[in-house]
Amino acid sequence: MADRMSTRVRMDRIRDNHAISRTVNGHLKRKERDNRDKRMSALIKNGKFPYTPAVQSWLSEKLGEPFSRITEEQANGLVK
C-alpha cells in the first residue's frame, strides 16, 4: 500500500513540475518570438529579394504559403 502512495506522490510531483515548466518556457518563447519578428522585419527592410533561407522560412510561416509564391510586395507589406 505504501508503494502505491509513493508512486502517486511522485507522479503528482512530476505533473506539477511539468505544468510549471510549460508556463515558464511559454513566457520565454513568447519573448523570443517577438525578438525574432523584430529581427526578421529589420532584415527584410534592409535586405534585397530573395532573402536568406531563415528569412524565407519566417515569411512562409507568417504568410502561410511557400516562399516560391511570395512576392517582394507581399514581404514589404508584412513589415510595414
PDB file of N, CA and C in Angstrom:
ATOM      1  N   MET A   1       0.824  -1.197   0.000  1.00  0.00           N
ATOM      2  CA  MET A   1       0.000   0.000   0.000  1.00  0.00           C
ATOM      3  C   MET A   1       0.863   1.254   0.000  1.00  0.00           C
ATOM      4  N   ALA A   2       1.941   1.246   0.781  1.00  0.00           N
ATOM      5  CA  ALA A   2       2.817   2.411   0.858  1.00  0.00           C
ATOM      6  C   ALA A   2       3.495   2.658  -0.488  1.00  0.00           C
ATOM      7  N   ASP A   3       3.735   1.573  -1.223  1.00  0.00           N
ATOM      8  CA  ASP A   3       4.375   1.713  -2.523  1.00  0.00           C
ATOM      9  C   ASP A   3       3.484   2.477  -3.501  1.00  0.00           C
ATOM     10  N   ARG A   4       2.174   2.213  -3.441  1.00  0.00           N
ATOM     11  CA  ARG A   4       1.228   2.931  -4.301  1.00  0.00           C
ATOM     12  C   ARG A   4       1.199   4.409  -3.979  1.00  0.00           C
ATOM     13  N   MET A   5       1.242   4.722  -2.699  1.00  0.00           N
ATOM     14  CA  MET A   5       1.191   6.131  -2.291  1.00  0.00           C
ATOM     15  C   MET A   5       2.442   6.872  -2.746  1.00  0.00           C
ATOM     16  N   SER A   6       3.597   6.244  -2.624  1.00  0.00           N
ATOM     17  CA  SER A   6       4.819   6.926  -3.038  1.00  0.00           C
ATOM     18  C   SER A   6       4.828   7.133  -4.553  1.00  0.00           C
ATOM     19  N   THR A   7       4.290   6.159  -5.282  1.00  0.00           N
ATOM     20  CA  THR A   7       4.191   6.321  -6.739  1.00  0.00           C
ATOM     21  C   THR A   7       3.239   7.451  -7.073  1.00  0.00           C
ATOM     22  N   ARG A   8       2.126   7.490  -6.394  1.00  0.00           N
ATOM     23  CA  ARG A   8       1.139   8.552  -6.623  1.00  0.00           C
ATOM     24  C   ARG A   8       1.730   9.927  -6.317  1.00  0.00           C
ATOM     25  N   VAL A   9       2.420  10.043  -5.216  1.00  0.00           N
ATOM     26  CA  VAL A   9       3.033  11.317  -4.838  1.00  0.00           C
ATOM     27  C   VAL A   9       4.066  11.721  -5.881  1.00  0.00           C
ATOM     28  N   ARG A  10       4.876  10.768  -6.314  1.00  0.00           N
ATOM     29  CA  ARG A  10       5.901  11.054  -7.311  1.00  0.00           C
ATOM     30  C   ARG A  10       5.268  11.501  -8.625  1.00  0.00           C
ATOM     31  N   MET A  11       4.225  10.831  -9.068  1.00  0.00           N
ATOM     32  CA  MET A  11       3.545  11.195 -10.313  1.00  0.00           C
ATOM     33  C   MET A  11       2.892  12.577 -10.206  1.00  0.00           C
ATOM     34  N   ASP A  12       2.304  12.868  -9.056  1.00  0.00           N
ATOM     35  CA  ASP A  12       1.713  14.197  -8.848  1.00  0.00           C
ATOM     36  C   ASP A  12       2.783  15.284  -8.907  1.00  0.00           C
ATOM     37  N   ARG A  13       3.919  15.004  -8.295  1.00  0.00           N
ATOM     38  CA  ARG A  13       5.017  15.980  -8.307  1.00  0.00           C
ATOM     39  C   ARG A  13       5.530  16.197  -9.735  1.00  0.00           C
ATOM     40  N   ILE A  14       5.668  15.128 -10.495  1.00  0.00           N
ATOM     41  CA  ILE A  14       6.114  15.232 -11.888  1.00  0.00           C
ATOM     42  C   ILE A  14       5.121  16.053 -12.704  1.00  0.00           C
ATOM     43  N   ARG A  15       3.836  15.774 -12.539  1.00  0.00           N
ATOM     44  CA  ARG A  15       2.794  16.511 -13.265  1.00  0.00           C
ATOM     45  C   ARG A  15       2.847  18.005 -12.937  1.00  0.00           C
ATOM     46  N   ASP A  16       2.980  18.308 -11.659  1.00  0.00           N
ATOM     47  CA  ASP A  16       3.035  19.708 -11.237  1.00  0.00           C
ATOM     48  C   ASP A  16       4.282  20.408 -11.774  1.00  0.00           C
ATOM     49  N   ASN A  17       5.420  19.726 -11.737  1.00  0.00           N
ATOM     50  CA  ASN A  17       6.655  20.312 -12.260  1.00  0.00           C
ATOM     51  C   ASN A  17       6.562  20.569 -13.759  1.00  0.00           C
ATOM     52  N   HIS A  18       5.930  19.663 -14.482  1.00  0.00           N
ATOM     53  CA  HIS A  18       5.764  19.857 -15.920  1.00  0.00           C
ATOM     54  C   HIS A  18       4.877  21.065 -16.205  1.00  0.00           C
ATOM     55  N   ALA A  19       3.839  21.257 -15.436  1.00  0.00           N
ATOM     56  CA  ALA A  19       2.954  22.409 -15.631  1.00  0.00           C
ATOM     57  C   ALA A  19       3.701  23.717 -15.389  1.00  0.00           C
ATOM     58  N   ILE A  20       4.517  23.747 -14.355  1.00  0.00           N
ATOM     59  CA  ILE A  20       5.308  24.946 -14.066  1.00  0.00           C
ATOM     60  C   ILE A  20       6.295  25.209 -15.201  1.00  0.00           C
ATOM     61  N   SER A  21       6.936  24.163 -15.657  1.00  0.00           N
ATOM     62  CA  SER A  21       7.919  24.287 -16.737  1.00  0.00           C
ATOM     63  C   SER A  21       7.268  24.824 -18.008  1.00  0.00           C
ATOM     64  N   ARG A  22       6.075  24.324 -18.344  1.00  0.00           N
ATOM     65  CA  ARG A  22       5.364  24.813 -19.541  1.00  0.00           C
ATOM     66  C   ARG A  22       5.055  26.287 -19.430  1.00  0.00           C
ATOM     67  N   THR A  23       4.649  26.728 -18.252  1.00  0.00           N
ATOM     68  CA  THR A  23       4.327  28.138 -18.042  1.00  0.00           C
ATOM     69  C   THR A  23       5.564  29.007 -18.206  1.00  0.00           C
ATOM     70  N   VAL A  24       6.634  28.631 -17.553  1.00  0.00           N
ATOM     71  CA  VAL A  24       7.877  29.415 -17.627  1.00  0.00           C
ATOM     72  C   VAL A  24       8.411  29.434 -19.055  1.00  0.00           C
ATOM     73  N   ASN A  25       8.488  28.276 -19.679  1.00  0.00           N
ATOM     74  CA  ASN A  25       9.015  28.208 -21.045  1.00  0.00           C
ATOM     75  C   ASN A  25       8.112  28.935 -22.029  1.00  0.00           C
ATOM     76  N   GLY A  26       6.814  28.930 -21.785  1.00  0.00           N
ATOM     77  CA  GLY A  26       5.889  29.642 -22.667  1.00  0.00           C
ATOM     78  C   GLY A  26       6.164  31.131 -22.680  1.00  0.00           C
ATOM     79  N   HIS A  27       6.446  31.699 -21.525  1.00  0.00           N
ATOM     80  CA  HIS A  27       6.771  33.125 -21.456  1.00  0.00           C
ATOM     81  C   HIS A  27       8.077  33.416 -22.187  1.00  0.00           C
ATOM     82  N   LEU A  28       9.061  32.553 -22.014  1.00  0.00           N
ATOM     83  CA  LEU A  28      10.341  32.739 -22.695  1.00  0.00           C
ATOM     84  C   LEU A  28      10.172  32.646 -24.208  1.00  0.00           C
ATOM     85  N   LYS A  29       9.367  31.691 -24.657  1.00  0.00           N
ATOM     86  CA  LYS A  29       9.142  31.530 -26.092  1.00  0.00           C
ATOM     87  C   LYS A  29       8.421  32.733 -26.672  1.00  0.00           C
ATOM     88  N   ARG A  30       7.474  33.277 -25.936  1.00  0.00           N
ATOM     89  CA  ARG A  30       6.746  34.449 -26.415  1.00  0.00           C
ATOM     90  C   ARG A  30       7.701  35.622 -26.622  1.00  0.00           C
ATOM     91  N   LYS A  31       8.607  35.829 -25.676  1.00  0.00           N
ATOM     92  CA  LYS A  31       9.596  36.901 -25.798  1.00  0.00           C
ATOM     93  C   LYS A  31      10.508  36.658 -27.001  1.00  0.00           C
ATOM     94  N   GLU A  32      10.947  35.417 -27.172  1.00  0.00           N
ATOM     95  CA  GLU A  32      11.847  35.108 -28.274  1.00  0.00           C
ATOM     96  C   GLU A  32      11.141  35.279 -29.620  1.00  0.00           C
ATOM     97  N   ARG A  33       9.860  34.921 -29.711  1.00  0.00           N
ATOM     98  CA  ARG A  33       9.108  35.128 -30.957  1.00  0.00           C
ATOM     99  C   ARG A  33       9.041  36.610 -31.294  1.00  0.00           C
ATOM    100  N   ASP A  34       8.796  37.447 -30.295  1.00  0.00           N
ATOM    101  CA  ASP A  34       8.761  38.892 -30.521  1.00  0.00           C
ATOM    102  C   ASP A  34      10.115  39.404 -31.009  1.00  0.00           C
ATOM    103  N   ASN A  35      11.181  38.928 -30.366  1.00  0.00           N
ATOM    104  CA  ASN A  35      12.525  39.332 -30.786  1.00  0.00           C
ATOM    105  C   ASN A  35      12.818  38.881 -32.212  1.00  0.00           C
ATOM    106  N   ARG A  36      12.393  37.666 -32.556  1.00  0.00           N
ATOM    107  CA  ARG A  36      12.635  37.146 -33.902  1.00  0.00           C
ATOM    108  C   ARG A  36      11.846  37.956 -34.928  1.00  0.00           C
ATOM    109  N   ASP A  37      10.611  38.319 -34.605  1.00  0.00           N
ATOM    110  CA  ASP A  37       9.809  39.127 -35.526  1.00  0.00           C
ATOM    111  C   ASP A  37      10.491  40.464 -35.805  1.00  0.00           C
ATOM    112  N   LYS A  38      11.015  41.107 -34.772  1.00  0.00           N
ATOM    113  CA  LYS A  38      11.717  42.378 -34.947  1.00  0.00           C
ATOM    114  C   LYS A  38      12.965  42.205 -35.796  1.00  0.00           C
ATOM    115  N   ARG A  39      13.726  41.150 -35.507  1.00  0.00           N
ATOM    116  CA  ARG A  39      14.964  40.889 -36.225  1.00  0.00           C
ATOM    117  C   ARG A  39      14.701  40.609 -37.708  1.00  0.00           C
ATOM    118  N   MET A  40      13.710  39.799 -38.003  1.00  0.00           N
ATOM    119  CA  MET A  40      13.398  39.452 -39.387  1.00  0.00           C
ATOM    120  C   MET A  40      12.836  40.652 -40.137  1.00  0.00           C
ATOM    121  N   SER A  41      12.016  41.456 -39.473  1.00  0.00           N
ATOM    122  CA  SER A  41      11.481  42.661 -40.110  1.00  0.00           C
ATOM    123  C   SER A  41      12.613  43.606 -40.510  1.00  0.00           C
ATOM    124  N   ALA A  42      13.601  43.752 -39.645  1.00  0.00           N
ATOM    125  CA  ALA A  42      14.743  44.614 -39.962  1.00  0.00           C
ATOM    126  C   ALA A  42      15.530  44.055 -41.139  1.00  0.00           C
ATOM    127  N   LEU A  43      15.693  42.742 -41.193  1.00  0.00           N
ATOM    128  CA  LEU A  43      16.418  42.130 -42.308  1.00  0.00           C
ATOM    129  C   LEU A  43      15.675  42.336 -43.626  1.00  0.00           C
ATOM    130  N   ILE A  44      14.354  42.272 -43.587  1.00  0.00           N
ATOM    131  CA  ILE A  44      13.566  42.474 -44.805  1.00  0.00           C
ATOM    132  C   ILE A  44      13.661  43.925 -45.262  1.00  0.00           C
ATOM    133  N   LYS A  45      13.585  44.851 -44.323  1.00  0.00           N
ATOM    134  CA  LYS A  45      13.664  46.270 -44.673  1.00  0.00           C
ATOM    135  C   LYS A  45      15.016  46.623 -45.291  1.00  0.00           C
ATOM    136  N   ASN A  46      16.090  46.040 -44.769  1.00  0.00           N
ATOM    137  CA  ASN A  46      17.435  46.384 -45.219  1.00  0.00           C
ATOM    138  C   ASN A  46      17.966  45.469 -46.325  1.00  0.00           C
ATOM    139  N   GLY A  47      17.343  44.329 -46.534  1.00  0.00           N
ATOM    140  CA  GLY A  47      17.850  43.350 -47.486  1.00  0.00           C
ATOM    141  C   GLY A  47      17.219  43.477 -48.856  1.00  0.00           C
ATOM    142  N   LYS A  48      17.656  42.576 -49.734  1.00  0.00           N
ATOM    143  CA  LYS A  48      17.115  42.537 -51.089  1.00  0.00           C
ATOM    144  C   LYS A  48      16.465  41.182 -51.315  1.00  0.00           C
ATOM    145  N   PHE A  49      15.474  41.160 -52.149  1.00  0.00           N
ATOM    146  CA  PHE A  49      14.758  39.938 -52.514  1.00  0.00           C
ATOM    147  C   PHE A  49      15.625  39.163 -53.490  1.00  0.00           C
ATOM    148  N   PRO A  50      15.762  37.864 -53.465  1.00  0.00           N
ATOM    149  CA  PRO A  50      15.290  36.920 -52.461  1.00  0.00           C
ATOM    150  C   PRO A  50      16.172  36.952 -51.217  1.00  0.00           C
ATOM    151  N   TYR A  51      15.575  36.648 -50.113  1.00  0.00           N
ATOM    152  CA  TYR A  51      16.244  36.771 -48.822  1.00  0.00           C
ATOM    153  C   TYR A  51      16.969  35.482 -48.462  1.00  0.00           C
ATOM    154  N   THR A  52      17.629  35.504 -47.305  1.00  0.00           N
ATOM    155  CA  THR A  52      18.323  34.314 -46.813  1.00  0.00           C
ATOM    156  C   THR A  52      17.290  33.242 -46.436  1.00  0.00           C
ATOM    157  N   PRO A  53      17.708  31.985 -46.339  1.00  0.00           N
ATOM    158  CA  PRO A  53      16.759  30.917 -46.000  1.00  0.00           C
ATOM    159  C   PRO A  53      16.003  31.143 -44.689  1.00  0.00           C
ATOM    160  N   ALA A  54      16.656  31.732 -43.691  1.00  0.00           N
ATOM    161  CA  ALA A  54      15.966  31.969 -42.414  1.00  0.00           C
ATOM    162  C   ALA A  54      14.818  32.956 -42.608  1.00  0.00           C
ATOM    163  N   VAL A  55      15.051  33.997 -43.380  1.00  0.00           N
ATOM    164  CA  VAL A  55      14.006  34.990 -43.641  1.00  0.00           C
ATOM    165  C   VAL A  55      12.913  34.376 -44.510  1.00  0.00           C
ATOM    166  N   GLN A  56      13.309  33.566 -45.468  1.00  0.00           N
ATOM    167  CA  GLN A  56      12.321  32.897 -46.322  1.00  0.00           C
ATOM    168  C   GLN A  56      11.390  32.017 -45.495  1.00  0.00           C
ATOM    169  N   SER A  57      11.964  31.277 -44.572  1.00  0.00           N
ATOM    170  CA  SER A  57      11.172  30.408 -43.706  1.00  0.00           C
ATOM    171  C   SER A  57      10.212  31.225 -42.854  1.00  0.00           C
ATOM    172  N   TRP A  58      10.695  32.328 -42.284  1.00  0.00           N
ATOM    173  CA  TRP A  58       9.864  33.188 -41.449  1.00  0.00           C
ATOM    174  C   TRP A  58       8.708  33.782 -42.262  1.00  0.00           C
ATOM    175  N   LEU A  59       9.015  34.239 -43.473  1.00  0.00           N
ATOM    176  CA  LEU A  59       7.963  34.794 -44.332  1.00  0.00           C
ATOM    177  C   LEU A  59       6.913  33.731 -44.662  1.00  0.00           C
ATOM    178  N   SER A  60       7.362  32.539 -44.990  1.00  0.00           N
ATOM    179  CA  SER A  60       6.432  31.448 -45.300  1.00  0.00           C
ATOM    180  C   SER A  60       5.502  31.169 -44.132  1.00  0.00           C
ATOM    181  N   GLU A  61       6.063  31.168 -42.930  1.00  0.00           N
ATOM    182  CA  GLU A  61       5.257  30.914 -41.734  1.00  0.00           C
ATOM    183  C   GLU A  61       4.239  32.030 -41.522  1.00  0.00           C
ATOM    184  N   LYS A  62       4.679  33.280 -41.659  1.00  0.00           N
ATOM    185  CA  LYS A  62       3.795  34.416 -41.404  1.00  0.00           C
ATOM    186  C   LYS A  62       2.696  34.549 -42.458  1.00  0.00           C
ATOM    187  N   LEU A  63       3.036  34.289 -43.720  1.00  0.00           N
ATOM    188  CA  LEU A  63       2.060  34.467 -44.797  1.00  0.00           C
ATOM    189  C   LEU A  63       1.282  33.192 -45.108  1.00  0.00           C
ATOM    190  N   GLY A  64       1.736  32.082 -44.586  1.00  0.00           N
ATOM    191  CA  GLY A  64       1.002  30.829 -44.758  1.00  0.00           C
ATOM    192  C   GLY A  64       1.069  30.247 -46.151  1.00  0.00           C
ATOM    193  N   GLU A  65       2.163  30.482 -46.862  1.00  0.00           N
ATOM    194  CA  GLU A  65       2.333  29.874 -48.178  1.00  0.00           C
ATOM    195  C   GLU A  65       3.815  29.691 -48.468  1.00  0.00           C
ATOM    196  N   PRO A  66       4.137  28.825 -49.431  1.00  0.00           N
ATOM    197  CA  PRO A  66       5.547  28.581 -49.735  1.00  0.00           C
ATOM    198  C   PRO A  66       6.243  29.851 -50.233  1.00  0.00           C
ATOM    199  N   PHE A  67       7.524  29.952 -49.962  1.00  0.00           N
ATOM    200  CA  PHE A  67       8.252  31.159 -50.344  1.00  0.00           C
ATOM    201  C   PHE A  67       8.250  31.363 -51.857  1.00  0.00           C
ATOM    202  N   SER A  68       8.201  30.279 -52.615  1.00  0.00           N
ATOM    203  CA  SER A  68       8.214  30.405 -54.079  1.00  0.00           C
ATOM    204  C   SER A  68       6.999  31.179 -54.593  1.00  0.00           C
ATOM    205  N   ARG A  69       5.950  31.261 -53.811  1.00  0.00           N
ATOM    206  CA  ARG A  69       4.738  32.011 -54.210  1.00  0.00           C
ATOM    207  C   ARG A  69       4.688  33.414 -53.609  1.00  0.00           C
ATOM    208  N   ILE A  70       5.642  33.750 -52.772  1.00  0.00           N
ATOM    209  CA  ILE A  70       5.630  35.049 -52.106  1.00  0.00           C
ATOM    210  C   ILE A  70       6.350  36.072 -52.971  1.00  0.00           C
ATOM    211  N   THR A  71       5.704  37.206 -53.174  1.00  0.00           N
ATOM    212  CA  THR A  71       6.317  38.281 -53.950  1.00  0.00           C
ATOM    213  C   THR A  71       7.004  39.275 -53.016  1.00  0.00           C
ATOM    214  N   GLU A  72       7.841  40.108 -53.613  1.00  0.00           N
ATOM    215  CA  GLU A  72       8.554  41.113 -52.824  1.00  0.00           C
ATOM    216  C   GLU A  72       7.551  42.100 -52.213  1.00  0.00           C
ATOM    217  N   GLU A  73       6.486  42.407 -52.931  1.00  0.00           N
ATOM    218  CA  GLU A  73       5.471  43.319 -52.410  1.00  0.00           C
ATOM    219  C   GLU A  73       4.794  42.766 -51.164  1.00  0.00           C
ATOM    220  N   GLN A  74       4.515  41.462 -51.184  1.00  0.00           N
ATOM    221  CA  GLN A  74       3.912  40.820 -50.010  1.00  0.00           C
ATOM    222  C   GLN A  74       4.853  40.907 -48.801  1.00  0.00           C
ATOM    223  N   ALA A  75       6.127  40.664 -49.043  1.00  0.00           N
ATOM    224  CA  ALA A  75       7.108  40.717 -47.958  1.00  0.00           C
ATOM    225  C   ALA A  75       7.211  42.132 -47.396  1.00  0.00           C
ATOM    226  N   ASN A  76       7.261  43.125 -48.264  1.00  0.00           N
ATOM    227  CA  ASN A  76       7.356  44.507 -47.805  1.00  0.00           C
ATOM    228  C   ASN A  76       6.068  44.932 -47.108  1.00  0.00           C
ATOM    229  N   GLY A  77       4.941  44.449 -47.564  1.00  0.00           N
ATOM    230  CA  GLY A  77       3.675  44.773 -46.923  1.00  0.00           C
ATOM    231  C   GLY A  77       3.551  44.199 -45.519  1.00  0.00           C
ATOM    232  N   LEU A  78       4.209  43.081 -45.301  1.00  0.00           N
ATOM    233  CA  LEU A  78       4.157  42.440 -43.988  1.00  0.00           C
ATOM    234  C   LEU A  78       4.910  43.235 -42.927  1.00  0.00           C
ATOM    235  N   VAL A  79       5.982  43.892 -43.312  1.00  0.00           N
ATOM    236  CA  VAL A  79       6.813  44.576 -42.328  1.00  0.00           C
ATOM    237  C   VAL A  79       6.435  46.043 -42.149  1.00  0.00           C
ATOM    238  N   LYS A  80       5.515  46.547 -42.921  1.00  0.00           N
ATOM    239  CA  LYS A  80       5.120  47.961 -42.767  1.00  0.00           C
ATOM    240  C   LYS A  80       4.158  48.146 -41.626  1.00  0.00           C
TER     241      LYS A  80
END
